Amino acid sequence: MLTIDGLQYSNWSRAIFEQMREGGVDAVHATLVYHENCRETLLRFGEWQRRFEEHSDLIMPVFEASDIELARETNRVGIFFGAQNCSPIEDDIDLVAIMRRLGLLIMQLTYNNQSLLACGCYEAEDSGITRFGRQAIREMNRVGMLIDMSHSAERSTLEAIELSERPVIISHANPASFHPAKRNKSDTVLRAIAESGGILGFSVYPFHLRNGPDCTLDEFCGMVADTAELMGIDHIGMGTDLCQAQPESVLTWMRNGRWTKAMDYGEGSQSNAGWPSPLAWFSDNRHFPNIVEGLRQKGFNHEEIDKIMGRNWLKQLTDGTRPAVNAAF
């Protein structure tokens, strides 16, 4: 069974790469940056290049979807990159093509706050897609970079779907009907994502789940089953949002960046100031088989589970990251 995780930002190490292989993971969307500018993004690429050199027996870079099949054939984990913000392109439209050429396959238009492109889910007023955002969407479509609206507000997300000529994704979130976190998505958004041909990656981050760290595997898989009814089996996958072995300083960087001196509590409460306790049934990459078994228990057949665990992501990457015919860069 093909297994592709639509989002992780772990404290990468050989031990984690070995756990990925032990858990049957074939490819992972690794967050490259949160708030880093262009220069800092290049440094993150450089760090990963060293990892690829040092752990070449375990991991390899993914520049196009076919590389995932190569990774699988060579018993390695394919790593494809995404940005959780538009900061890598700064205010320069030409940087979209350059970042795509370097291997940035996915970019969020914003991370929680208003950006130069769109509005984040924590702003009081959603101003929608900006003038620069319209141009960036067009350019992302042209060069084959997936538009990710995981941290975006509702109006901005719906406008991005309307403006984009290619499918729009939510790489890591859950339905708001399951748990009303600000980061989770309404049925209106989920239907629109599916109609665009996009995908929702289900998050196992406890703050995005009913009952937090006490959410059961049965509850999680029930959410998957309900969403399959809403969106269709071809438009759902995994996007665990696993942040394995990360120190609290990383959580602060994710939430605060450089924009505030005060601690941003993310989901809106000081009780959520630190990392949540892990789920009993999913705390690292070795636990993907637990989700497979949970989906079986919910009545999904082998073909459906294969789609949820990886095939839908592979199709999304195959179709969505292919540059347009005129995409010279």
Protein backbone atom coordinates (compact mmCIF):
# COMPACT_ATOMS: atom_id res chain seq x y z
CA MET A 1 0.00 0.00 0.00
CA LEU A 2 1.32 3.43 -0.99
CA THR A 3 1.62 5.82 1.97
CA ILE A 4 2.14 9.55 1.47
CA ASP A 5 1.86 12.02 4.34
CA GLY A 6 0.66 15.43 3.20
CA LEU A 7 2.45 17.42 5.95
CA GLN A 8 5.14 17.01 8.57
CA TYR A 9 7.57 19.37 10.28
CA SER A 10 9.56 17.05 12.50
CA ASN A 11 12.99 17.55 14.04
CA TRP A 12 14.57 15.59 11.23
CA SER A 13 17.12 12.93 12.11
CA ARG A 14 18.26 9.52 10.95
CA ALA A 15 16.13 7.95 13.67
CA ILE A 16 13.01 9.63 12.26
CA PHE A 17 13.87 8.60 8.71
CA GLU A 18 14.27 5.01 9.92
CA GLN A 19 10.88 5.24 11.65
CA MET A 20 9.34 6.45 8.39
CA ARG A 21 10.60 3.39 6.59
CA GLU A 22 9.50 1.13 9.46
CA GLY A 23 6.00 2.63 9.26
CA GLY A 24 5.80 2.01 5.51
CA VAL A 25 5.95 5.71 4.57
CA ASP A 26 6.81 6.24 0.90
CA ALA A 27 6.83 10.04 0.74
CA VAL A 28 6.32 13.06 2.99
CA HIS A 29 5.48 16.69 2.33
CA ALA A 30 8.09 18.34 4.56
CA THR A 31 7.57 21.95 5.58
CA LEU A 32 10.63 23.81 4.40
CA VAL A 33 9.81 27.22 5.91
CA TYR A 34 7.27 29.17 7.93
CA HIS A 35 8.31 32.84 7.98
CA GLU A 36 11.71 32.68 6.28
CA ASN A 37 12.54 35.13 3.51
CA CYS A 38 14.16 34.14 0.20
CA ARG A 39 17.72 34.01 1.51
CA GLU A 40 16.70 32.01 4.56
CA THR A 41 14.69 29.62 2.38
CA LEU A 42 17.84 28.91 0.37
CA LEU A 43 19.58 28.03 3.63
CA ARG A 44 16.80 25.53 4.41
CA PHE A 45 17.30 23.96 0.96
CA GLY A 46 20.99 23.72 1.77
CA GLU A 47 20.29 21.97 5.07
CA TRP A 48 18.16 19.42 3.29
CA GLN A 49 20.79 18.87 0.62
CA ARG A 50 23.18 17.82 3.37
CA ARG A 51 20.56 15.45 4.77
CA PHE A 52 20.10 13.88 1.36
CA GLU A 53 23.84 13.37 1.09
CA GLU A 54 24.25 12.00 4.62
CA HIS A 55 21.20 9.72 4.57
CA SER A 56 21.07 8.78 0.88
CA ASP A 57 20.23 5.19 1.79
CA LEU A 58 17.01 6.33 3.51
CA ILE A 59 15.71 9.49 1.79
CA MET A 60 15.74 11.23 -1.59
CA PRO A 61 14.35 14.52 -2.96
CA VAL A 62 11.12 14.63 -4.96
CA PHE A 63 11.04 17.16 -7.80
CA GLU A 64 8.13 15.54 -9.63
CA ALA A 65 5.62 12.84 -8.81
CA SER A 66 7.53 10.09 -10.63
CA ASP A 67 10.32 10.49 -8.08
CA ILE A 68 7.99 8.98 -5.46
CA GLU A 69 7.82 5.76 -7.47
CA LEU A 70 11.62 5.78 -7.73
CA ALA A 71 11.91 6.26 -3.97
CA ARG A 72 9.63 3.31 -3.42
CA GLU A 73 11.54 1.10 -5.83
CA THR A 74 14.82 1.90 -4.05
CA ASN A 75 13.37 1.44 -0.54
CA ARG A 76 13.75 5.11 0.36
CA VAL A 77 11.39 7.84 1.52
CA GLY A 78 10.71 10.62 -0.98
CA ILE A 79 10.77 14.14 0.48
CA PHE A 80 8.83 16.90 -1.28
CA PHE A 81 8.89 20.46 -0.05
CA GLY A 82 6.28 23.03 0.81
CA ALA A 83 6.16 26.47 2.40
CA GLN A 84 3.57 27.25 5.07
CA ASN A 85 3.62 30.90 4.09
CA CYS A 86 4.33 33.03 1.03
CA SER A 87 7.39 34.62 2.65
CA PRO A 88 9.91 32.82 0.35
CA ILE A 89 8.73 34.85 -2.65
CA GLU A 90 8.79 38.13 -0.67
CA ASP A 91 7.24 40.73 -3.00
CA ASP A 92 8.74 39.36 -6.23
CA ILE A 93 6.55 37.38 -8.65
CA ASP A 94 9.64 35.96 -10.41
CA LEU A 95 10.55 34.04 -7.26
CA VAL A 96 7.56 31.72 -7.73
CA ALA A 97 9.17 30.05 -10.74
CA ILE A 98 12.61 30.05 -9.14
CA MET A 99 11.34 28.36 -5.96
CA ARG A 100 9.44 25.79 -8.03
CA ARG A 101 12.60 25.03 -10.01
CA LEU A 102 14.48 24.46 -6.73
CA GLY A 103 11.86 21.94 -5.61
CA LEU A 104 9.17 23.87 -3.76
CA LEU A 105 6.09 21.96 -4.92
CA ILE A 106 3.53 23.49 -2.54
CA MET A 107 3.01 26.96 -1.07
CA GLN A 108 0.40 28.29 1.34
CA LEU A 109 -0.82 31.75 0.50
CA THR A 110 -0.75 32.72 4.17
CA TYR A 111 -0.01 31.39 7.65
CA ASN A 112 -2.77 32.52 10.08
CA ASN A 113 -2.25 36.26 9.47
CA GLN A 114 -2.89 38.62 6.58
CA SER A 115 -0.13 38.23 4.01
CA LEU A 116 0.73 39.97 0.76
CA LEU A 117 -1.42 37.34 -1.01
CA ALA A 118 -4.41 36.46 1.17
CA CYS A 119 -5.95 36.53 4.63
CA GLY A 120 -5.24 34.05 7.41
CA CYS A 121 -7.76 32.27 9.59
CA TYR A 122 -6.92 34.29 12.73
CA GLU A 123 -7.73 37.73 11.33
CA ALA A 124 -10.99 39.35 12.42
CA GLU A 125 -11.82 40.47 8.87
CA ASP A 126 -11.15 38.35 5.79
CA SER A 127 -10.23 40.72 2.96
CA GLY A 128 -9.86 37.91 0.44
CA ILE A 129 -7.21 37.46 -2.25
CA THR A 130 -5.09 40.57 -2.85
CA ARG A 131 -4.00 42.00 -6.20
CA PHE A 132 -0.59 40.39 -5.75
CA GLY A 133 -2.34 37.17 -4.71
CA ARG A 134 -4.21 37.01 -8.01
CA GLN A 135 -0.94 37.27 -9.91
CA ALA A 136 0.75 34.72 -7.66
CA ILE A 137 -2.08 32.21 -8.18
CA ARG A 138 -1.77 32.61 -11.94
CA GLU A 139 1.99 32.11 -11.76
CA MET A 140 1.72 29.10 -9.43
CA ASN A 141 -0.70 27.53 -11.89
CA ARG A 142 1.72 28.20 -14.74
CA VAL A 143 4.80 26.64 -13.15
CA GLY A 144 3.03 23.75 -11.42
CA MET A 145 3.12 24.77 -7.75
CA LEU A 146 0.19 23.57 -5.65
CA ILE A 147 -1.84 26.25 -3.86
CA ASP A 148 -2.37 25.28 -0.21
CA MET A 149 -5.02 27.06 1.88
CA SER A 150 -4.56 25.18 5.18
CA HIS A 151 -4.09 28.30 7.32
CA SER A 152 -6.25 30.66 5.26
CA ALA A 153 -9.59 32.23 6.11
CA GLU A 154 -12.82 31.18 4.41
CA ARG A 155 -13.37 33.99 1.91
CA SER A 156 -9.73 33.88 0.84
CA THR A 157 -9.92 30.11 0.38
CA LEU A 158 -13.08 30.24 -1.70
CA GLU A 159 -11.69 33.07 -3.84
CA ALA A 160 -8.45 31.16 -4.42
CA ILE A 161 -10.45 28.15 -5.61
CA GLU A 162 -12.46 30.37 -7.96
CA LEU A 163 -9.37 32.11 -9.34
CA SER A 164 -7.18 29.05 -9.75
CA GLU A 165 -7.30 27.08 -12.98
CA ARG A 166 -5.84 24.09 -11.13
CA PRO A 167 -6.97 22.17 -8.05
CA VAL A 168 -6.46 23.84 -4.67
CA ILE A 169 -5.49 21.77 -1.65
CA ILE A 170 -5.74 21.84 2.14
CA SER A 171 -2.74 19.77 3.10
CA HIS A 172 -3.43 19.52 6.84
CA ALA A 173 -6.72 20.30 8.57
CA ASN A 174 -9.99 18.65 9.58
CA PRO A 175 -13.68 19.42 9.12
CA ALA A 176 -15.00 22.10 11.48
CA SER A 177 -18.10 19.92 11.86
CA PHE A 178 -15.89 17.39 13.69
CA HIS A 179 -14.10 19.94 15.86
CA PRO A 180 -14.64 23.73 15.63
CA ALA A 181 -11.01 24.85 15.72
CA LYS A 182 -10.27 28.05 13.82
CA ARG A 183 -7.91 26.10 11.58
CA ASN A 184 -10.52 23.51 10.61
CA LYS A 185 -12.66 23.97 7.51
CA SER A 186 -16.36 24.41 6.88
CA ASP A 187 -18.35 22.02 4.73
CA THR A 188 -18.67 24.84 2.19
CA VAL A 189 -14.90 25.00 1.81
CA LEU A 190 -14.50 21.22 1.74
CA ARG A 191 -17.08 20.84 -1.01
CA ALA A 192 -15.38 23.58 -3.01
CA ILE A 193 -11.97 21.92 -2.59
CA ALA A 194 -13.39 18.66 -3.89
CA GLU A 195 -15.14 20.37 -6.80
CA SER A 196 -11.84 22.01 -7.75
CA GLY A 197 -10.25 18.56 -7.93
CA GLY A 198 -8.21 19.16 -4.78
CA ILE A 199 -7.55 17.18 -1.62
CA LEU A 200 -7.94 17.49 2.15
CA GLY A 201 -5.17 15.97 4.25
CA PHE A 202 -6.48 14.85 7.66
CA SER A 203 -4.51 16.17 10.63
CA VAL A 204 -3.73 14.16 13.76
CA TYR A 205 -2.54 17.30 15.60
CA PRO A 206 -4.54 17.02 18.85
CA PHE A 207 -5.69 20.67 18.90
CA HIS A 208 -7.52 19.95 15.61
CA LEU A 209 -9.35 16.88 16.99
CA ARG A 210 -12.41 16.35 19.12
CA ASN A 211 -11.30 15.61 22.69
CA GLY A 212 -7.74 16.66 21.86
CA PRO A 213 -5.12 14.08 22.87
CA ASP A 214 -7.94 11.79 24.04
CA CYS A 215 -9.44 11.50 20.56
CA THR A 216 -9.75 7.81 19.76
CA LEU A 217 -8.79 6.05 16.56
CA ASP A 218 -12.43 5.11 16.09
CA GLU A 219 -13.48 8.78 16.34
CA PHE A 220 -10.77 9.84 13.90
CA CYS A 221 -11.72 7.18 11.34
CA GLY A 222 -15.37 8.07 11.79
CA MET A 223 -14.45 11.63 10.81
CA VAL A 224 -12.70 10.25 7.72
CA ALA A 225 -15.78 8.23 6.80
CA ASP A 226 -18.09 11.23 7.18
CA THR A 227 -15.76 13.39 5.07
CA ALA A 228 -15.59 10.74 2.37
CA GLU A 229 -19.37 11.06 2.10
CA LEU A 230 -19.08 14.84 1.84
CA MET A 231 -16.09 15.22 -0.49
CA GLY A 232 -15.83 11.86 -2.26
CA ILE A 233 -13.22 9.17 -1.74
CA ASP A 234 -10.91 10.69 -4.40
CA HIS A 235 -10.42 13.96 -2.51
CA ILE A 236 -9.18 12.91 0.93
CA GLY A 237 -5.79 11.82 2.24
CA MET A 238 -3.44 12.11 5.19
CA GLY A 239 -1.74 15.32 6.31
CA THR A 240 -0.76 14.44 9.85
CA ASP A 241 0.90 17.75 10.81
CA LEU A 242 3.34 15.61 12.79
CA CYS A 243 5.94 17.75 14.57
CA GLN A 244 7.93 14.92 16.11
CA ALA A 245 10.71 15.72 18.61
CA GLN A 246 10.49 19.47 18.06
CA PRO A 247 11.48 21.79 20.95
CA GLU A 248 9.07 24.45 22.18
CA SER A 249 11.23 27.13 20.55
CA VAL A 250 10.07 25.82 17.17
CA LEU A 251 6.43 26.16 18.21
CA THR A 252 7.14 29.77 19.18
CA TRP A 253 8.71 30.41 15.75
CA MET A 254 5.74 28.85 13.99
CA ARG A 255 3.26 31.03 15.85
CA ASN A 256 5.18 34.24 16.43
CA GLY A 257 7.67 34.54 13.61
CA ARG A 258 8.97 38.09 13.82
CA TRP A 259 5.60 39.81 13.85
CA THR A 260 4.87 39.92 17.60
CA LYS A 261 6.66 40.29 20.92
CA ALA A 262 3.78 38.67 22.81
CA MET A 263 3.18 34.92 22.74
CA ASP A 264 0.55 33.97 20.17
CA TYR A 265 -1.44 31.11 21.66
CA GLY A 266 -2.48 29.68 18.33
CA GLU A 267 -5.86 28.12 19.01
CA GLY A 268 -6.73 30.97 21.36
CA SER A 269 -5.99 29.73 24.89
CA GLN A 270 -2.99 29.74 27.19
CA SER A 271 -3.76 26.08 27.83
CA ASN A 272 -2.55 25.54 24.26
CA ALA A 273 0.73 27.39 24.82
CA GLY A 274 2.94 24.28 24.47
CA TRP A 275 2.97 21.12 22.42
CA PRO A 276 -0.06 18.90 23.09
CA SER A 277 0.30 15.40 24.45
CA PRO A 278 0.50 12.87 21.58
CA LEU A 279 -2.32 10.56 20.61
CA ALA A 280 -2.11 7.06 22.08
CA TRP A 281 -2.44 5.52 18.61
CA PHE A 282 -0.28 7.96 16.61
CA SER A 283 2.83 9.57 18.03
CA ASP A 284 5.41 8.90 15.30
CA ASN A 285 5.84 7.58 11.77
CA ARG A 286 5.76 3.95 12.87
CA HIS A 287 2.05 4.23 13.60
CA PHE A 288 0.60 4.65 10.11
CA PRO A 289 -0.48 0.97 10.13
CA ASN A 290 -2.81 1.85 13.04
CA ILE A 291 -4.72 4.23 10.77
CA VAL A 292 -4.93 1.58 8.05
CA GLU A 293 -6.44 -0.88 10.52
CA GLY A 294 -8.82 1.78 11.86
CA LEU A 295 -10.08 2.50 8.35
CA ARG A 296 -10.62 -1.22 7.77
CA GLN A 297 -12.67 -1.38 10.94
CA LYS A 298 -14.83 1.45 9.56
CA GLY A 299 -15.62 -0.59 6.45
CA PHE A 300 -13.28 0.94 3.88
CA ASN A 301 -12.05 -1.60 1.34
CA HIS A 302 -8.44 -2.04 0.20
CA GLU A 303 -8.76 0.25 -2.84
CA GLU A 304 -10.37 3.02 -0.79
CA ILE A 305 -7.72 2.79 1.94
CA ASP A 306 -4.98 2.86 -0.70
CA LYS A 307 -6.45 6.10 -2.05
CA ILE A 308 -6.70 7.70 1.40
CA MET A 309 -3.22 6.62 2.48
CA GLY A 310 -1.39 7.74 -0.64
CA ARG A 311 -2.86 7.26 -4.11
CA ASN A 312 -4.91 10.45 -3.98
CA TRP A 313 -1.81 12.43 -3.02
CA LEU A 314 0.17 10.84 -5.84
CA LYS A 315 -2.49 11.85 -8.36
CA GLN A 316 -2.61 15.36 -6.93
CA LEU A 317 1.15 15.73 -7.26
CA THR A 318 1.17 14.17 -10.73
CA ASP A 319 -1.49 16.54 -12.08
CA GLY A 320 -0.85 19.63 -9.97
CA THR A 321 2.92 20.01 -10.18
CA ARG A 322 3.27 19.52 -13.92
CA PRO A 323 4.30 22.88 -15.39
CA ALA A 324 2.11 24.38 -18.09
CA VAL A 325 3.28 24.02 -21.68
CA ASN A 326 4.57 27.60 -21.71
CA ALA A 327 6.19 27.42 -18.27
CA ALA A 328 9.74 28.35 -19.19
CA PHE A 329 11.72 29.16 -16.09
